[in-house]
Amino acid sequence: MNNIKKILTYVAAGSMMVLINSGCKKLSDFGDTNVNPNGSSEVLTSALLTNIEAGLGATASNLTAGYFCQYFSEATYPGSSRYNLPQFNSTNIYYGSLMDAQVIINKNSDPATAGLPSVTSGGASKSQVAIAMILKAYTYWTITDRWGDIPYSEALKGVAILNPKYDDQFDIYKGILNELTTAITTFDEIGVTVRGDI
């Protein structure tokens, strides 16, 4: 009886190995099955710029102040006008608008990516960088006014620095002023259209 069980076990294991080995060859022949025809393989810098600017109102909480003094009203969800505020989450700002601005700067500054259609379709490269720097400085100014010391000099480095240090607020203000000065001198020329700038 034990011999029959052993034989059946070996036959079952052998059959499984044959099935697994024959099935694995089919994995390499997927072709374009997992490619989304509607998805973008490269991010458009103009879309990132629009996303940053659209989120500025939420970052500065301009609408919330309007609810408090009854300039605006809410019909369906009256939470904000009744002082039921959502938490202002700093991580959303870092991996959201700040990282979008940094990606615009990186893609336009790196010679390997500066010539890609996803970057050049956004307009003049230097002007894209200047606008992203100004928006990044504005966002840092808003959150350092709110919380004081925040990650600044080591922030937005990706996996190179996973735990950035907190910078002194005075140093952050100096850095913001330096970024704004650099941004002003970086613009290509006045009147150059940059796509995505709403």
C-alpha atoms as a PDB file:
ATOM      1  CA  MET A   1       0.000   0.000   0.000  1.00  0.00           C
ATOM      2  CA  ASN A   2       2.859   2.345   0.859  1.00  0.00           C
ATOM      3  CA  ASN A   3       4.493   1.603  -2.498  1.00  0.00           C
ATOM      4  CA  ILE A   4       1.297   2.548  -4.355  1.00  0.00           C
ATOM      5  CA  LYS A   5       1.098   5.854  -2.444  1.00  0.00           C
ATOM      6  CA  LYS A   6       4.735   6.587  -3.265  1.00  0.00           C
ATOM      7  CA  ILE A   7       4.201   5.782  -6.939  1.00  0.00           C
ATOM      8  CA  LEU A   8       1.081   7.974  -7.095  1.00  0.00           C
ATOM      9  CA  THR A   9       2.942  10.797  -5.356  1.00  0.00           C
ATOM     10  CA  TYR A  10       5.819  10.560  -7.844  1.00  0.00           C
ATOM     11  CA  VAL A  11       3.426  10.422 -10.798  1.00  0.00           C
ATOM     12  CA  ALA A  12       1.485  13.460  -9.503  1.00  0.00           C
ATOM     13  CA  ALA A  13       4.681  15.411  -8.850  1.00  0.00           C
ATOM     14  CA  GLY A  14       6.054  14.480 -12.275  1.00  0.00           C
ATOM     15  CA  SER A  15       2.804  15.505 -13.968  1.00  0.00           C
ATOM     16  CA  MET A  16       2.855  18.849 -12.163  1.00  0.00           C
ATOM     17  CA  MET A  17       6.442  19.481 -13.229  1.00  0.00           C
ATOM     18  CA  VAL A  18       5.565  18.705 -16.861  1.00  0.00           C
ATOM     19  CA  LEU A  19       2.567  21.059 -16.715  1.00  0.00           C
ATOM     20  CA  ILE A  20       4.555  23.833 -15.063  1.00  0.00           C
ATOM     21  CA  ASN A  21       7.445  23.571 -17.509  1.00  0.00           C
ATOM     22  CA  SER A  22       5.181  23.484 -20.549  1.00  0.00           C
ATOM     23  CA  GLY A  23       3.100  26.403 -19.274  1.00  0.00           C
ATOM     24  CA  CYS A  24       6.090  28.640 -18.506  1.00  0.00           C
ATOM     25  CA  LYS A  25       7.089  28.841 -22.163  1.00  0.00           C
ATOM     26  CA  LYS A  26       3.839  30.626 -22.909  1.00  0.00           C
ATOM     27  CA  LEU A  27       4.659  33.487 -20.513  1.00  0.00           C
ATOM     28  CA  SER A  28       7.224  34.958 -22.882  1.00  0.00           C
ATOM     29  CA  ASP A  29       4.691  35.278 -25.699  1.00  0.00           C
ATOM     30  CA  PHE A  30       2.322  37.885 -24.271  1.00  0.00           C
ATOM     31  CA  GLY A  31       3.175  40.480 -26.906  1.00  0.00           C
ATOM     32  CA  ASP A  32       1.394  43.729 -26.162  1.00  0.00           C
ATOM     33  CA  THR A  33      -1.343  42.187 -24.003  1.00  0.00           C
ATOM     34  CA  ASN A  34      -0.406  44.197 -20.911  1.00  0.00           C
ATOM     35  CA  VAL A  35       0.184  47.497 -22.717  1.00  0.00           C
ATOM     36  CA  ASN A  36      -2.547  50.070 -22.111  1.00  0.00           C
ATOM     37  CA  PRO A  37      -3.268  51.758 -25.462  1.00  0.00           C
ATOM     38  CA  ASN A  38      -4.860  54.718 -23.652  1.00  0.00           C
ATOM     39  CA  GLY A  39      -2.057  55.193 -21.129  1.00  0.00           C
ATOM     40  CA  SER A  40       0.939  57.469 -21.434  1.00  0.00           C
ATOM     41  CA  SER A  41       4.394  55.970 -21.130  1.00  0.00           C
ATOM     42  CA  GLU A  42       5.952  59.406 -20.526  1.00  0.00           C
ATOM     43  CA  VAL A  43       4.521  62.076 -18.270  1.00  0.00           C
ATOM     44  CA  LEU A  44       3.777  65.413 -19.935  1.00  0.00           C
ATOM     45  CA  THR A  45       5.416  68.317 -18.129  1.00  0.00           C
ATOM     46  CA  SER A  46       2.489  70.512 -19.139  1.00  0.00           C
ATOM     47  CA  ALA A  47       0.098  68.171 -17.314  1.00  0.00           C
ATOM     48  CA  LEU A  48       2.282  68.299 -14.191  1.00  0.00           C
ATOM     49  CA  LEU A  49       2.254  72.091 -14.304  1.00  0.00           C
ATOM     50  CA  THR A  50      -1.537  72.169 -14.558  1.00  0.00           C
ATOM     51  CA  ASN A  51      -1.794  69.758 -11.619  1.00  0.00           C
ATOM     52  CA  ILE A  52       0.423  71.963  -9.448  1.00  0.00           C
ATOM     53  CA  GLU A  53      -1.520  75.134 -10.212  1.00  0.00           C
ATOM     54  CA  ALA A  54      -4.901  73.462  -9.768  1.00  0.00           C
ATOM     55  CA  GLY A  55      -3.845  72.246  -6.323  1.00  0.00           C
ATOM     56  CA  LEU A  56      -2.553  75.613  -5.100  1.00  0.00           C
ATOM     57  CA  GLY A  57      -5.936  76.659  -3.747  1.00  0.00           C
ATOM     58  CA  ALA A  58      -6.118  73.586  -1.547  1.00  0.00           C
ATOM     59  CA  THR A  59      -2.543  74.091  -0.371  1.00  0.00           C
ATOM     60  CA  ALA A  60      -3.146  77.647   0.752  1.00  0.00           C
ATOM     61  CA  SER A  61      -6.643  76.831   2.072  1.00  0.00           C
ATOM     62  CA  ASN A  62      -8.131  79.828   0.264  1.00  0.00           C
ATOM     63  CA  LEU A  63     -11.546  78.221  -0.097  1.00  0.00           C
ATOM     64  CA  THR A  64     -11.773  77.338   3.577  1.00  0.00           C
ATOM     65  CA  ALA A  65     -11.460  80.972   4.600  1.00  0.00           C
ATOM     66  CA  GLY A  66     -14.251  81.817   2.155  1.00  0.00           C
ATOM     67  CA  TYR A  67     -16.485  79.211   3.788  1.00  0.00           C
ATOM     68  CA  PHE A  68     -15.808  80.580   7.263  1.00  0.00           C
ATOM     69  CA  CYS A  69     -16.907  84.104   6.418  1.00  0.00           C
ATOM     70  CA  GLN A  70     -19.834  82.777   4.344  1.00  0.00           C
ATOM     71  CA  TYR A  71     -18.593  84.012   0.968  1.00  0.00           C
ATOM     72  CA  PHE A  72     -19.245  80.514  -0.384  1.00  0.00           C
ATOM     73  CA  SER A  73     -21.839  77.929   0.508  1.00  0.00           C
ATOM     74  CA  GLU A  74     -22.003  74.176   0.221  1.00  0.00           C
ATOM     75  CA  ALA A  75     -25.222  72.424  -0.640  1.00  0.00           C
ATOM     76  CA  THR A  76     -24.520  68.712  -0.584  1.00  0.00           C
ATOM     77  CA  TYR A  77     -21.612  68.304   1.853  1.00  0.00           C
ATOM     78  CA  PRO A  78     -21.576  71.295   4.236  1.00  0.00           C
ATOM     79  CA  GLY A  79     -18.629  70.053   6.302  1.00  0.00           C
ATOM     80  CA  SER A  80     -16.140  72.837   5.613  1.00  0.00           C
ATOM     81  CA  SER A  81     -18.615  75.663   6.188  1.00  0.00           C
ATOM     82  CA  ARG A  82     -19.393  74.085   9.571  1.00  0.00           C
ATOM     83  CA  TYR A  83     -15.710  74.134  10.585  1.00  0.00           C
ATOM     84  CA  ASN A  84     -15.323  70.406   9.994  1.00  0.00           C
ATOM     85  CA  LEU A  85     -11.928  70.675   8.356  1.00  0.00           C
ATOM     86  CA  PRO A  86      -9.963  67.842   6.823  1.00  0.00           C
ATOM     87  CA  GLN A  87      -6.435  67.383   8.114  1.00  0.00           C
ATOM     88  CA  PHE A  88      -3.841  69.351   6.184  1.00  0.00           C
ATOM     89  CA  ASN A  89      -1.461  66.541   5.269  1.00  0.00           C
ATOM     90  CA  SER A  90       2.146  67.438   4.536  1.00  0.00           C
ATOM     91  CA  THR A  91       2.946  64.155   2.795  1.00  0.00           C
ATOM     92  CA  ASN A  92       0.382  64.945   0.080  1.00  0.00           C
ATOM     93  CA  ILE A  93       2.240  68.166  -0.642  1.00  0.00           C
ATOM     94  CA  TYR A  94       5.654  66.502  -0.840  1.00  0.00           C
ATOM     95  CA  TYR A  95       4.727  63.638  -3.137  1.00  0.00           C
ATOM     96  CA  GLY A  96       2.137  65.774  -4.931  1.00  0.00           C
ATOM     97  CA  SER A  97       2.783  69.339  -6.036  1.00  0.00           C
ATOM     98  CA  LEU A  98       6.382  69.629  -4.809  1.00  0.00           C
ATOM     99  CA  MET A  99       7.445  66.401  -6.518  1.00  0.00           C
ATOM    100  CA  ASP A 100       5.608  67.419  -9.702  1.00  0.00           C
ATOM    101  CA  ALA A 101       7.582  70.690  -9.740  1.00  0.00           C
ATOM    102  CA  GLN A 102      10.832  68.811  -9.149  1.00  0.00           C
ATOM    103  CA  VAL A 103      10.055  66.410 -12.012  1.00  0.00           C
ATOM    104  CA  ILE A 104       9.503  69.389 -14.352  1.00  0.00           C
ATOM    105  CA  ILE A 105      12.845  70.856 -13.270  1.00  0.00           C
ATOM    106  CA  ASN A 106      14.673  67.520 -13.578  1.00  0.00           C
ATOM    107  CA  LYS A 107      13.242  66.610 -16.989  1.00  0.00           C
ATOM    108  CA  ASN A 108      14.032  70.034 -18.470  1.00  0.00           C
ATOM    109  CA  SER A 109      17.525  70.183 -16.912  1.00  0.00           C
ATOM    110  CA  ASP A 110      18.671  66.679 -17.883  1.00  0.00           C
ATOM    111  CA  PRO A 111      20.040  66.588 -21.467  1.00  0.00           C
ATOM    112  CA  ALA A 112      18.819  62.983 -21.839  1.00  0.00           C
ATOM    113  CA  THR A 113      15.168  63.931 -21.285  1.00  0.00           C
ATOM    114  CA  ALA A 114      15.054  67.610 -22.308  1.00  0.00           C
ATOM    115  CA  GLY A 115      14.533  66.742 -25.983  1.00  0.00           C
ATOM    116  CA  LEU A 116      11.692  64.266 -25.479  1.00  0.00           C
ATOM    117  CA  PRO A 117       8.325  65.232 -26.998  1.00  0.00           C
ATOM    118  CA  SER A 118       6.679  64.968 -23.568  1.00  0.00           C
ATOM    119  CA  VAL A 119       8.970  67.771 -22.379  1.00  0.00           C
ATOM    120  CA  THR A 120       9.302  69.955 -25.474  1.00  0.00           C
ATOM    121  CA  SER A 121       5.527  70.010 -25.993  1.00  0.00           C
ATOM    122  CA  GLY A 122       5.301  72.028 -22.767  1.00  0.00           C
ATOM    123  CA  GLY A 123       7.032  75.050 -24.272  1.00  0.00           C
ATOM    124  CA  ALA A 124      10.356  76.758 -23.674  1.00  0.00           C
ATOM    125  CA  SER A 125      12.507  74.630 -21.412  1.00  0.00           C
ATOM    126  CA  LYS A 126      13.980  77.440 -19.308  1.00  0.00           C
ATOM    127  CA  SER A 127      10.565  79.006 -18.787  1.00  0.00           C
ATOM    128  CA  GLN A 128       9.137  75.674 -17.621  1.00  0.00           C
ATOM    129  CA  VAL A 129      11.949  75.410 -15.084  1.00  0.00           C
ATOM    130  CA  ALA A 130      11.413  79.000 -13.907  1.00  0.00           C
ATOM    131  CA  ILE A 131       7.667  78.521 -13.402  1.00  0.00           C
ATOM    132  CA  ALA A 132       8.230  75.228 -11.562  1.00  0.00           C
ATOM    133  CA  MET A 133      10.806  76.909  -9.293  1.00  0.00           C
ATOM    134  CA  ILE A 134       8.401  79.746  -8.464  1.00  0.00           C
ATOM    135  CA  LEU A 135       5.561  77.341  -7.678  1.00  0.00           C
ATOM    136  CA  LYS A 136       7.885  75.176  -5.597  1.00  0.00           C
ATOM    137  CA  ALA A 137       9.073  78.224  -3.643  1.00  0.00           C
ATOM    138  CA  TYR A 138       5.479  79.339  -3.068  1.00  0.00           C
ATOM    139  CA  THR A 139       4.491  75.891  -1.793  1.00  0.00           C
ATOM    140  CA  TYR A 140       7.489  75.734   0.567  1.00  0.00           C
ATOM    141  CA  TRP A 141       6.676  79.235   1.829  1.00  0.00           C
ATOM    142  CA  THR A 142       3.089  78.171   2.560  1.00  0.00           C
ATOM    143  CA  ILE A 143       4.002  75.045   4.488  1.00  0.00           C
ATOM    144  CA  THR A 144       6.923  76.556   6.417  1.00  0.00           C
ATOM    145  CA  ASP A 145       4.622  79.377   7.531  1.00  0.00           C
ATOM    146  CA  ARG A 146       2.207  76.730   8.758  1.00  0.00           C
ATOM    147  CA  TRP A 147       4.611  74.299  10.456  1.00  0.00           C
ATOM    148  CA  GLY A 148       7.961  76.039  10.882  1.00  0.00           C
ATOM    149  CA  ASP A 149      10.912  73.670  10.396  1.00  0.00           C
ATOM    150  CA  ILE A 150      10.293  71.259   7.514  1.00  0.00           C
ATOM    151  CA  PRO A 151      12.408  69.077   5.214  1.00  0.00           C
ATOM    152  CA  TYR A 152      13.806  71.384   2.539  1.00  0.00           C
ATOM    153  CA  SER A 153      17.444  70.977   1.518  1.00  0.00           C
ATOM    154  CA  GLU A 154      17.345  67.159   1.452  1.00  0.00           C
ATOM    155  CA  ALA A 155      13.701  66.828   0.347  1.00  0.00           C
ATOM    156  CA  LEU A 156      12.581  65.605  -3.088  1.00  0.00           C
ATOM    157  CA  LYS A 157      15.668  63.458  -3.672  1.00  0.00           C
ATOM    158  CA  GLY A 158      13.640  60.262  -4.147  1.00  0.00           C
ATOM    159  CA  VAL A 159      15.197  57.025  -2.967  1.00  0.00           C
ATOM    160  CA  ALA A 160      18.599  58.712  -2.543  1.00  0.00           C
ATOM    161  CA  ILE A 161      17.416  60.278   0.738  1.00  0.00           C
ATOM    162  CA  LEU A 162      14.392  58.553   2.236  1.00  0.00           C
ATOM    163  CA  ASN A 163      14.519  60.423   5.569  1.00  0.00           C
ATOM    164  CA  PRO A 164      15.418  64.049   4.841  1.00  0.00           C
ATOM    165  CA  LYS A 165      16.503  66.286   7.691  1.00  0.00           C
ATOM    166  CA  TYR A 166      14.368  69.155   8.973  1.00  0.00           C
ATOM    167  CA  ASP A 167      15.811  72.545   8.063  1.00  0.00           C
ATOM    168  CA  ASP A 168      15.618  75.668  10.187  1.00  0.00           C
ATOM    169  CA  GLN A 169      12.858  78.033   9.040  1.00  0.00           C
ATOM    170  CA  PHE A 170      15.341  80.891   8.599  1.00  0.00           C
ATOM    171  CA  ASP A 171      17.402  78.760   6.183  1.00  0.00           C
ATOM    172  CA  ILE A 172      14.243  77.784   4.312  1.00  0.00           C
ATOM    173  CA  TYR A 173      13.320  81.449   3.784  1.00  0.00           C
ATOM    174  CA  LYS A 174      16.847  82.166   2.477  1.00  0.00           C
ATOM    175  CA  GLY A 175      16.582  79.191   0.127  1.00  0.00           C
ATOM    176  CA  ILE A 176      13.169  80.319  -1.126  1.00  0.00           C
ATOM    177  CA  LEU A 177      14.518  83.814  -1.887  1.00  0.00           C
ATOM    178  CA  ASN A 178      17.498  82.291  -3.734  1.00  0.00           C
ATOM    179  CA  GLU A 179      15.160  80.070  -5.784  1.00  0.00           C
ATOM    180  CA  LEU A 180      12.962  83.028  -6.707  1.00  0.00           C
ATOM    181  CA  THR A 181      15.984  85.106  -7.745  1.00  0.00           C
ATOM    182  CA  THR A 182      17.273  82.243  -9.890  1.00  0.00           C
ATOM    183  CA  ALA A 183      13.833  81.669 -11.399  1.00  0.00           C
ATOM    184  CA  ILE A 184      13.486  85.295 -12.464  1.00  0.00           C
ATOM    185  CA  THR A 185      16.800  85.177 -14.332  1.00  0.00           C
ATOM    186  CA  THR A 186      15.979  81.752 -15.839  1.00  0.00           C
ATOM    187  CA  PHE A 187      12.995  82.790 -17.983  1.00  0.00           C
ATOM    188  CA  ASP A 188      13.803  82.573 -21.710  1.00  0.00           C
ATOM    189  CA  GLU A 189      11.995  85.686 -22.804  1.00  0.00           C
ATOM    190  CA  ILE A 190       8.838  87.562 -21.926  1.00  0.00           C
ATOM    191  CA  GLY A 191       5.776  86.419 -23.827  1.00  0.00           C
ATOM    192  CA  VAL A 192       6.904  82.827 -24.413  1.00  0.00           C
ATOM    193  CA  THR A 193       3.927  80.515 -24.078  1.00  0.00           C
ATOM    194  CA  VAL A 194       4.252  77.601 -21.699  1.00  0.00           C
ATOM    195  CA  ARG A 195       1.574  74.935 -22.044  1.00  0.00           C
ATOM    196  CA  GLY A 196      -0.235  73.845 -18.911  1.00  0.00           C
ATOM    197  CA  ASP A 197       0.052  77.253 -17.248  1.00  0.00           C
ATOM    198  CA  ILE A 198      -3.576  77.883 -16.341  1.00  0.00           C
END
